[in-house]
Amino acid sequence: MIPKSQLKIFTSLGKKKFRNEAGVFLVEGRKLVEESMRSDANIKHVIATDVFFNEWNQVIDESIRVVAGAKDMERISSLKTAPEVIAVVHQFEEKGVYGNAEIIIALDGINDPGNFGTIIRTCDWFGVTQIICSENCVELYNPKVIQASMGSVFRVNIHYASLGTELHNLKNGHSYKVLLADAKGSQAIDNSNKEKKILLMGSESHGVSEELYALADEKIAIPKYGEAESLNVAIANAILLSQLKN
C-alpha cells in the first residue's frame, strides 16, 4: 500500500497549483504510460496494482515502481474509471521554438483542454512538431489535455510565450509567413513556394487579439457549404494542416 504522505502528494496532482509546485504531471492509462516510456520523458513514478505489474510485459525499475491498491488508484486518477497504470512524469524542459521548422502552429487563447490535446495529436499526425501558445492558453499538463493528445504530447514541442513577440521575431529573424485562420479570408492556399509558415489560430468565440491580427501576412479560410456558424478549432486545425501539407 502507498504511505499516506505519498498518496496525498499523488492525489494533489489533479490540481495545477500542486503540479507546478512539484514540477510533475500525471499520465494515465497503459497506452499513454507506454508512450511516455518510449519517449525521452523523465518518469518519476509508475503506479499500479501488484497484479498489473506481474502481468505487464514491461520492466520497471524498482526505484520508480509504486504498488497501489485499487482504491488508491481511484483516488489518484482524474478519470471516471481508474486506469490500470499511472505514471508521474517530470514536466518538460522549456526548449523554445526552432526557427527551421517548415510549419509552426501558433495558438491564441485556446482554453478548452480537449481541443488543445486534439490539436497536439493532429500536429503529430502531420509531422508538425512546434506549437507556440499564448500565455492565456489552457495549461499543457491539464489531465484532459494529456488524455486528448493520446501520447503525442511526448513528440511535439509546446512553448508558452508572449505570442506577439514570438511571431515578430520569427517573421523578421527567420523569414516566416504568418497565415491567420479567419472565416473572411481567402479559400485558396498557395503552396507553390517553399516559404516557412506559421498557422495562427484563435478561439471560436474570440478569434485572435488585435495585435496578432495585425501581424498576419495572409488570412485563410475553409470553404463553407452549409449553415453551421463555425468550426471547432481542432477540426479547423486538421483541415488547414491537410491543405498546407499538400
C-alpha atoms as a PDB file:
ATOM      1  CA  MET A   1       0.000   0.000   0.000  1.00  0.00           C
ATOM      2  CA  ILE A   2       1.068   3.578  -0.622  1.00  0.00           C
ATOM      3  CA  PRO A   3       2.082   5.534   2.505  1.00  0.00           C
ATOM      4  CA  LYS A   4      -0.480   8.219   3.361  1.00  0.00           C
ATOM      5  CA  SER A   5       2.014  11.051   2.862  1.00  0.00           C
ATOM      6  CA  GLN A   6       2.879   9.855  -0.642  1.00  0.00           C
ATOM      7  CA  LEU A   7      -0.766   9.200  -1.517  1.00  0.00           C
ATOM      8  CA  LYS A   8      -1.603  12.769  -0.502  1.00  0.00           C
ATOM      9  CA  ILE A   9       1.001  14.076  -2.945  1.00  0.00           C
ATOM     10  CA  PHE A  10      -0.279  11.882  -5.776  1.00  0.00           C
ATOM     11  CA  THR A  11      -3.912  12.896  -5.244  1.00  0.00           C
ATOM     12  CA  SER A  12      -2.946  16.589  -5.195  1.00  0.00           C
ATOM     13  CA  LEU A  13      -1.546  16.384  -8.733  1.00  0.00           C
ATOM     14  CA  GLY A  14      -5.019  16.776 -10.182  1.00  0.00           C
ATOM     15  CA  LYS A  15      -4.646  20.495  -9.411  1.00  0.00           C
ATOM     16  CA  LYS A  16      -2.451  22.891 -11.387  1.00  0.00           C
ATOM     17  CA  LYS A  17      -1.003  24.566  -8.285  1.00  0.00           C
ATOM     18  CA  PHE A  18       0.390  21.325  -6.885  1.00  0.00           C
ATOM     19  CA  ARG A  19       1.568  20.054 -10.287  1.00  0.00           C
ATOM     20  CA  ASN A  20       3.629  23.186 -10.740  1.00  0.00           C
ATOM     21  CA  GLU A  21       4.973  23.141  -7.182  1.00  0.00           C
ATOM     22  CA  ALA A  22       6.141  19.547  -7.634  1.00  0.00           C
ATOM     23  CA  GLY A  23       7.199  20.040 -11.270  1.00  0.00           C
ATOM     24  CA  VAL A  24       5.407  16.871 -12.366  1.00  0.00           C
ATOM     25  CA  PHE A  25       2.171  15.726 -14.016  1.00  0.00           C
ATOM     26  CA  LEU A  26       0.085  12.566 -14.314  1.00  0.00           C
ATOM     27  CA  VAL A  27      -0.037  10.253 -17.320  1.00  0.00           C
ATOM     28  CA  GLU A  28      -2.966   7.856 -17.056  1.00  0.00           C
ATOM     29  CA  GLY A  29      -3.640   4.588 -18.827  1.00  0.00           C
ATOM     30  CA  ARG A  30      -1.499   1.829 -20.277  1.00  0.00           C
ATOM     31  CA  LYS A  31      -1.168   3.294 -23.791  1.00  0.00           C
ATOM     32  CA  LEU A  32      -0.091   6.743 -22.615  1.00  0.00           C
ATOM     33  CA  VAL A  33       2.271   5.394 -19.958  1.00  0.00           C
ATOM     34  CA  GLU A  34       3.931   3.147 -22.538  1.00  0.00           C
ATOM     35  CA  GLU A  35       4.187   6.148 -24.896  1.00  0.00           C
ATOM     36  CA  SER A  36       5.967   8.063 -22.135  1.00  0.00           C
ATOM     37  CA  MET A  37       8.351   5.152 -21.594  1.00  0.00           C
ATOM     38  CA  ARG A  38       9.244   5.060 -25.302  1.00  0.00           C
ATOM     39  CA  SER A  39       9.984   8.789 -25.273  1.00  0.00           C
ATOM     40  CA  ASP A  40      12.747  10.714 -23.522  1.00  0.00           C
ATOM     41  CA  ALA A  41      10.327  11.743 -20.747  1.00  0.00           C
ATOM     42  CA  ASN A  42      11.760  11.761 -17.234  1.00  0.00           C
ATOM     43  CA  ILE A  43       9.490   9.383 -15.306  1.00  0.00           C
ATOM     44  CA  LYS A  44       9.476   9.768 -11.532  1.00  0.00           C
ATOM     45  CA  HIS A  45       6.990   7.037 -10.527  1.00  0.00           C
ATOM     46  CA  VAL A  46       4.957   4.281 -12.156  1.00  0.00           C
ATOM     47  CA  ILE A  47       1.912   3.380 -10.054  1.00  0.00           C
ATOM     48  CA  ALA A  48      -0.171   0.215 -10.454  1.00  0.00           C
ATOM     49  CA  THR A  49      -1.549  -2.740  -8.543  1.00  0.00           C
ATOM     50  CA  ASP A  50       0.728  -5.682  -7.835  1.00  0.00           C
ATOM     51  CA  VAL A  51      -1.445  -7.849 -10.105  1.00  0.00           C
ATOM     52  CA  PHE A  52      -0.961  -5.471 -13.034  1.00  0.00           C
ATOM     53  CA  PHE A  53       2.804  -5.213 -12.522  1.00  0.00           C
ATOM     54  CA  ASN A  54       3.057  -9.012 -12.536  1.00  0.00           C
ATOM     55  CA  GLU A  55       1.077  -9.302 -15.791  1.00  0.00           C
ATOM     56  CA  TRP A  56       2.604  -6.310 -17.603  1.00  0.00           C
ATOM     57  CA  ASN A  57       5.269  -7.025 -20.220  1.00  0.00           C
ATOM     58  CA  GLN A  58       7.368  -4.030 -19.146  1.00  0.00           C
ATOM     59  CA  VAL A  59      10.428  -3.990 -16.911  1.00  0.00           C
ATOM     60  CA  ILE A  60      10.016  -1.209 -14.347  1.00  0.00           C
ATOM     61  CA  ASP A  61      12.962  -0.142 -12.219  1.00  0.00           C
ATOM     62  CA  GLU A  62      12.248  -0.777  -8.545  1.00  0.00           C
ATOM     63  CA  SER A  63      13.272   2.792  -7.709  1.00  0.00           C
ATOM     64  CA  ILE A  64      10.261   4.239  -9.558  1.00  0.00           C
ATOM     65  CA  ARG A  65       7.759   1.406  -9.059  1.00  0.00           C
ATOM     66  CA  VAL A  66       4.890   2.143  -6.649  1.00  0.00           C
ATOM     67  CA  VAL A  67       2.447  -0.640  -5.762  1.00  0.00           C
ATOM     68  CA  ALA A  68      -1.066   0.632  -5.057  1.00  0.00           C
ATOM     69  CA  GLY A  69      -4.410  -0.825  -4.115  1.00  0.00           C
ATOM     70  CA  ALA A  70      -7.429  -0.459  -6.410  1.00  0.00           C
ATOM     71  CA  LYS A  71      -8.945   2.192  -4.124  1.00  0.00           C
ATOM     72  CA  ASP A  72      -5.715   4.190  -4.190  1.00  0.00           C
ATOM     73  CA  MET A  73      -5.746   4.124  -8.000  1.00  0.00           C
ATOM     74  CA  GLU A  74      -9.275   5.545  -7.948  1.00  0.00           C
ATOM     75  CA  ARG A  75      -8.219   8.343  -5.606  1.00  0.00           C
ATOM     76  CA  ILE A  76      -5.195   9.312  -7.696  1.00  0.00           C
ATOM     77  CA  SER A  77      -6.867   9.175 -11.101  1.00  0.00           C
ATOM     78  CA  SER A  78      -8.756  12.068 -12.707  1.00  0.00           C
ATOM     79  CA  LEU A  79     -10.713   9.648 -14.909  1.00  0.00           C
ATOM     80  CA  LYS A  80     -14.207   8.314 -14.234  1.00  0.00           C
ATOM     81  CA  THR A  81     -12.829   4.789 -14.302  1.00  0.00           C
ATOM     82  CA  ALA A  82      -9.400   4.341 -12.754  1.00  0.00           C
ATOM     83  CA  PRO A  83      -6.775   3.148 -15.269  1.00  0.00           C
ATOM     84  CA  GLU A  84      -4.560   0.093 -14.874  1.00  0.00           C
ATOM     85  CA  VAL A  85      -1.428   2.189 -14.513  1.00  0.00           C
ATOM     86  CA  ILE A  86      -0.481   5.816 -13.830  1.00  0.00           C
ATOM     87  CA  ALA A  87       2.890   7.500 -14.303  1.00  0.00           C
ATOM     88  CA  VAL A  88       4.151  10.599 -12.533  1.00  0.00           C
ATOM     89  CA  VAL A  89       6.323  12.402 -15.077  1.00  0.00           C
ATOM     90  CA  HIS A  90       8.594  15.417 -14.686  1.00  0.00           C
ATOM     91  CA  GLN A  91       7.373  18.491 -16.559  1.00  0.00           C
ATOM     92  CA  PHE A  92       9.189  19.093 -19.829  1.00  0.00           C
ATOM     93  CA  GLU A  93      12.254  21.268 -20.084  1.00  0.00           C
ATOM     94  CA  GLU A  94      11.396  24.548 -21.843  1.00  0.00           C
ATOM     95  CA  LYS A  95      13.020  24.425 -25.283  1.00  0.00           C
ATOM     96  CA  GLY A  96      11.697  27.492 -27.095  1.00  0.00           C
ATOM     97  CA  VAL A  97      10.787  27.290 -30.778  1.00  0.00           C
ATOM     98  CA  TYR A  98      13.118  26.164 -33.539  1.00  0.00           C
ATOM     99  CA  GLY A  99      13.262  28.597 -36.450  1.00  0.00           C
ATOM    100  CA  ASN A 100      13.900  25.984 -39.143  1.00  0.00           C
ATOM    101  CA  ALA A 101      10.558  24.128 -38.942  1.00  0.00           C
ATOM    102  CA  GLU A 102       8.509  24.040 -42.150  1.00  0.00           C
ATOM    103  CA  ILE A 103       5.261  24.802 -40.289  1.00  0.00           C
ATOM    104  CA  ILE A 104       4.697  26.173 -36.793  1.00  0.00           C
ATOM    105  CA  ILE A 105       1.288  26.332 -35.105  1.00  0.00           C
ATOM    106  CA  ALA A 106       0.522  29.442 -33.030  1.00  0.00           C
ATOM    107  CA  LEU A 107      -2.472  29.348 -30.666  1.00  0.00           C
ATOM    108  CA  ASP A 108      -4.074  32.378 -29.044  1.00  0.00           C
ATOM    109  CA  GLY A 109      -6.421  31.919 -26.092  1.00  0.00           C
ATOM    110  CA  ILE A 110      -7.302  28.253 -26.640  1.00  0.00           C
ATOM    111  CA  ASN A 111      -8.951  27.354 -23.341  1.00  0.00           C
ATOM    112  CA  ASP A 112     -10.631  24.009 -23.975  1.00  0.00           C
ATOM    113  CA  PRO A 113      -8.291  21.179 -22.900  1.00  0.00           C
ATOM    114  CA  GLY A 114      -9.882  18.632 -25.232  1.00  0.00           C
ATOM    115  CA  ASN A 115      -9.365  20.904 -28.226  1.00  0.00           C
ATOM    116  CA  PHE A 116      -5.779  21.631 -27.243  1.00  0.00           C
ATOM    117  CA  GLY A 117      -4.938  17.959 -26.774  1.00  0.00           C
ATOM    118  CA  THR A 118      -6.520  17.122 -30.136  1.00  0.00           C
ATOM    119  CA  ILE A 119      -4.503  19.870 -31.838  1.00  0.00           C
ATOM    120  CA  ILE A 120      -1.308  18.378 -30.379  1.00  0.00           C
ATOM    121  CA  ARG A 121      -2.306  14.934 -31.655  1.00  0.00           C
ATOM    122  CA  THR A 122      -3.169  16.333 -35.106  1.00  0.00           C
ATOM    123  CA  CYS A 123       0.158  18.137 -35.333  1.00  0.00           C
ATOM    124  CA  ASP A 124       1.931  14.873 -34.549  1.00  0.00           C
ATOM    125  CA  TRP A 125      -0.055  13.149 -37.331  1.00  0.00           C
ATOM    126  CA  PHE A 126       1.081  15.744 -39.878  1.00  0.00           C
ATOM    127  CA  GLY A 127       4.669  15.829 -38.659  1.00  0.00           C
ATOM    128  CA  VAL A 128       4.376  19.329 -37.204  1.00  0.00           C
ATOM    129  CA  THR A 129       6.494  19.389 -34.062  1.00  0.00           C
ATOM    130  CA  GLN A 130       6.372  23.038 -32.956  1.00  0.00           C
ATOM    131  CA  ILE A 131       3.465  24.796 -31.209  1.00  0.00           C
ATOM    132  CA  ILE A 132       3.623  28.263 -29.651  1.00  0.00           C
ATOM    133  CA  CYS A 133       0.876  29.130 -27.159  1.00  0.00           C
ATOM    134  CA  SER A 134      -0.159  32.499 -25.807  1.00  0.00           C
ATOM    135  CA  GLU A 135       0.169  32.731 -22.054  1.00  0.00           C
ATOM    136  CA  ASN A 136      -3.638  32.591 -21.650  1.00  0.00           C
ATOM    137  CA  CYS A 137      -3.976  29.192 -23.327  1.00  0.00           C
ATOM    138  CA  VAL A 138      -5.004  26.193 -21.244  1.00  0.00           C
ATOM    139  CA  GLU A 139      -2.221  24.547 -19.232  1.00  0.00           C
ATOM    140  CA  LEU A 140      -0.339  21.813 -21.074  1.00  0.00           C
ATOM    141  CA  TYR A 141      -0.379  19.469 -18.057  1.00  0.00           C
ATOM    142  CA  ASN A 142      -4.146  19.587 -17.549  1.00  0.00           C
ATOM    143  CA  PRO A 143      -5.167  15.888 -17.385  1.00  0.00           C
ATOM    144  CA  LYS A 144      -7.706  16.367 -20.201  1.00  0.00           C
ATOM    145  CA  VAL A 145      -5.012  17.808 -22.471  1.00  0.00           C
ATOM    146  CA  ILE A 146      -2.718  14.855 -21.787  1.00  0.00           C
ATOM    147  CA  GLN A 147      -5.527  12.348 -22.423  1.00  0.00           C
ATOM    148  CA  ALA A 148      -6.712  14.022 -25.639  1.00  0.00           C
ATOM    149  CA  SER A 149      -3.172  14.143 -27.024  1.00  0.00           C
ATOM    150  CA  MET A 150      -3.050  10.319 -26.907  1.00  0.00           C
ATOM    151  CA  GLY A 151       0.695  10.344 -26.296  1.00  0.00           C
ATOM    152  CA  SER A 152       1.564  12.971 -28.923  1.00  0.00           C
ATOM    153  CA  VAL A 153       2.476  15.376 -26.125  1.00  0.00           C
ATOM    154  CA  PHE A 154       5.759  13.435 -25.871  1.00  0.00           C
ATOM    155  CA  ARG A 155       6.655  14.167 -29.514  1.00  0.00           C
ATOM    156  CA  VAL A 156       5.527  17.778 -30.031  1.00  0.00           C
ATOM    157  CA  ASN A 157       7.367  20.750 -28.534  1.00  0.00           C
ATOM    158  CA  ILE A 158       4.939  23.190 -26.871  1.00  0.00           C
ATOM    159  CA  HIS A 159       6.223  26.632 -25.924  1.00  0.00           C
ATOM    160  CA  TYR A 160       4.307  29.288 -23.942  1.00  0.00           C
ATOM    161  CA  ALA A 161       5.326  32.875 -24.624  1.00  0.00           C
ATOM    162  CA  SER A 162       4.239  36.386 -25.483  1.00  0.00           C
ATOM    163  CA  LEU A 163       2.822  35.446 -28.866  1.00  0.00           C
ATOM    164  CA  GLY A 164       3.217  38.881 -30.429  1.00  0.00           C
ATOM    165  CA  THR A 165       6.923  38.962 -29.599  1.00  0.00           C
ATOM    166  CA  GLU A 166       7.475  35.396 -30.815  1.00  0.00           C
ATOM    167  CA  LEU A 167       5.703  35.963 -34.139  1.00  0.00           C
ATOM    168  CA  HIS A 168       7.549  39.216 -34.723  1.00  0.00           C
ATOM    169  CA  ASN A 169      10.896  37.504 -34.101  1.00  0.00           C
ATOM    170  CA  LEU A 170      10.060  34.526 -36.321  1.00  0.00           C
ATOM    171  CA  LYS A 171       8.866  36.780 -39.147  1.00  0.00           C
ATOM    172  CA  ASN A 172      11.841  39.115 -39.058  1.00  0.00           C
ATOM    173  CA  GLY A 173      14.572  36.797 -37.858  1.00  0.00           C
ATOM    174  CA  HIS A 174      13.628  33.539 -39.601  1.00  0.00           C
ATOM    175  CA  SER A 175      11.543  34.642 -42.623  1.00  0.00           C
ATOM    176  CA  TYR A 176       8.250  33.041 -41.610  1.00  0.00           C
ATOM    177  CA  LYS A 177       4.945  33.969 -43.240  1.00  0.00           C
ATOM    178  CA  VAL A 178       2.018  34.208 -40.792  1.00  0.00           C
ATOM    179  CA  LEU A 179      -1.250  32.690 -42.038  1.00  0.00           C
ATOM    180  CA  LEU A 180      -4.259  33.597 -39.911  1.00  0.00           C
ATOM    181  CA  ALA A 181      -7.239  31.229 -39.873  1.00  0.00           C
ATOM    182  CA  ASP A 182     -10.123  33.648 -40.483  1.00  0.00           C
ATOM    183  CA  ALA A 183     -13.641  32.982 -41.793  1.00  0.00           C
ATOM    184  CA  LYS A 184     -13.335  36.061 -44.032  1.00  0.00           C
ATOM    185  CA  GLY A 185     -10.003  35.023 -45.501  1.00  0.00           C
ATOM    186  CA  SER A 186      -9.051  33.565 -48.856  1.00  0.00           C
ATOM    187  CA  GLN A 187     -10.206  29.999 -49.527  1.00  0.00           C
ATOM    188  CA  ALA A 188      -7.205  29.270 -51.730  1.00  0.00           C
ATOM    189  CA  ILE A 189      -3.921  28.355 -50.055  1.00  0.00           C
ATOM    190  CA  ASP A 190      -0.838  28.881 -52.197  1.00  0.00           C
ATOM    191  CA  ASN A 191       1.645  26.064 -51.627  1.00  0.00           C
ATOM    192  CA  SER A 192       3.619  26.730 -54.795  1.00  0.00           C
ATOM    193  CA  ASN A 193       6.513  28.297 -52.910  1.00  0.00           C
ATOM    194  CA  LYS A 194       8.544  26.808 -50.096  1.00  0.00           C
ATOM    195  CA  GLU A 195       8.097  29.623 -47.586  1.00  0.00           C
ATOM    196  CA  LYS A 196       8.149  28.653 -43.941  1.00  0.00           C
ATOM    197  CA  LYS A 197       4.709  29.196 -42.463  1.00  0.00           C
ATOM    198  CA  ILE A 198       3.085  29.902 -39.118  1.00  0.00           C
ATOM    199  CA  LEU A 199      -0.576  28.893 -38.875  1.00  0.00           C
ATOM    200  CA  LEU A 200      -2.144  31.264 -36.351  1.00  0.00           C
ATOM    201  CA  MET A 201      -5.434  30.225 -34.749  1.00  0.00           C
ATOM    202  CA  GLY A 202      -7.648  31.737 -32.061  1.00  0.00           C
ATOM    203  CA  SER A 203     -10.678  30.509 -30.174  1.00  0.00           C
ATOM    204  CA  GLU A 204     -14.046  30.135 -31.936  1.00  0.00           C
ATOM    205  CA  SER A 205     -15.639  32.788 -29.746  1.00  0.00           C
ATOM    206  CA  HIS A 206     -12.924  35.461 -29.608  1.00  0.00           C
ATOM    207  CA  GLY A 207     -10.541  34.897 -32.509  1.00  0.00           C
ATOM    208  CA  VAL A 208      -7.081  36.399 -32.045  1.00  0.00           C
ATOM    209  CA  SER A 209      -6.051  39.662 -30.411  1.00  0.00           C
ATOM    210  CA  GLU A 210      -5.788  42.867 -32.458  1.00  0.00           C
ATOM    211  CA  GLU A 211      -2.018  42.789 -32.049  1.00  0.00           C
ATOM    212  CA  LEU A 212      -1.780  39.335 -33.600  1.00  0.00           C
ATOM    213  CA  TYR A 213      -4.345  40.137 -36.292  1.00  0.00           C
ATOM    214  CA  ALA A 214      -2.085  42.963 -37.461  1.00  0.00           C
ATOM    215  CA  LEU A 215       0.885  40.583 -37.724  1.00  0.00           C
ATOM    216  CA  ALA A 216      -0.865  38.265 -40.203  1.00  0.00           C
ATOM    217  CA  ASP A 217       0.601  38.264 -43.714  1.00  0.00           C
ATOM    218  CA  GLU A 218      -2.381  36.423 -45.143  1.00  0.00           C
ATOM    219  CA  LYS A 219      -5.837  35.352 -43.955  1.00  0.00           C
ATOM    220  CA  ILE A 220      -7.076  31.906 -44.959  1.00  0.00           C
ATOM    221  CA  ALA A 221     -10.472  30.228 -44.643  1.00  0.00           C
ATOM    222  CA  ILE A 222     -12.054  26.799 -45.035  1.00  0.00           C
ATOM    223  CA  PRO A 223     -14.789  26.690 -47.717  1.00  0.00           C
ATOM    224  CA  LYS A 224     -18.300  26.590 -46.238  1.00  0.00           C
ATOM    225  CA  TYR A 225     -21.151  24.729 -47.923  1.00  0.00           C
ATOM    226  CA  GLY A 226     -23.799  24.516 -45.194  1.00  0.00           C
ATOM    227  CA  GLU A 227     -25.297  26.680 -42.466  1.00  0.00           C
ATOM    228  CA  ALA A 228     -23.043  25.979 -39.463  1.00  0.00           C
ATOM    229  CA  GLU A 229     -21.776  29.205 -37.940  1.00  0.00           C
ATOM    230  CA  SER A 230     -18.244  27.999 -37.234  1.00  0.00           C
ATOM    231  CA  LEU A 231     -15.943  25.001 -36.978  1.00  0.00           C
ATOM    232  CA  ASN A 232     -14.398  23.616 -33.830  1.00  0.00           C
ATOM    233  CA  VAL A 233     -10.824  24.941 -33.671  1.00  0.00           C
ATOM    234  CA  ALA A 234      -9.321  21.446 -33.500  1.00  0.00           C
ATOM    235  CA  ILE A 235     -11.240  20.373 -36.625  1.00  0.00           C
ATOM    236  CA  ALA A 236     -10.260  23.569 -38.429  1.00  0.00           C
ATOM    237  CA  ASN A 237      -6.633  22.948 -37.482  1.00  0.00           C
ATOM    238  CA  ALA A 238      -6.747  19.463 -39.013  1.00  0.00           C
ATOM    239  CA  ILE A 239      -8.324  20.666 -42.272  1.00  0.00           C
ATOM    240  CA  LEU A 240      -5.896  23.552 -42.704  1.00  0.00           C
ATOM    241  CA  LEU A 241      -2.866  21.403 -41.917  1.00  0.00           C
ATOM    242  CA  SER A 242      -4.032  18.899 -44.517  1.00  0.00           C
ATOM    243  CA  GLN A 243      -4.149  21.711 -47.080  1.00  0.00           C
ATOM    244  CA  LEU A 244      -0.808  23.183 -46.039  1.00  0.00           C
ATOM    245  CA  LYS A 245       0.942  19.805 -46.243  1.00  0.00           C
ATOM    246  CA  ASN A 246      -0.332  19.009 -49.763  1.00  0.00           C
END
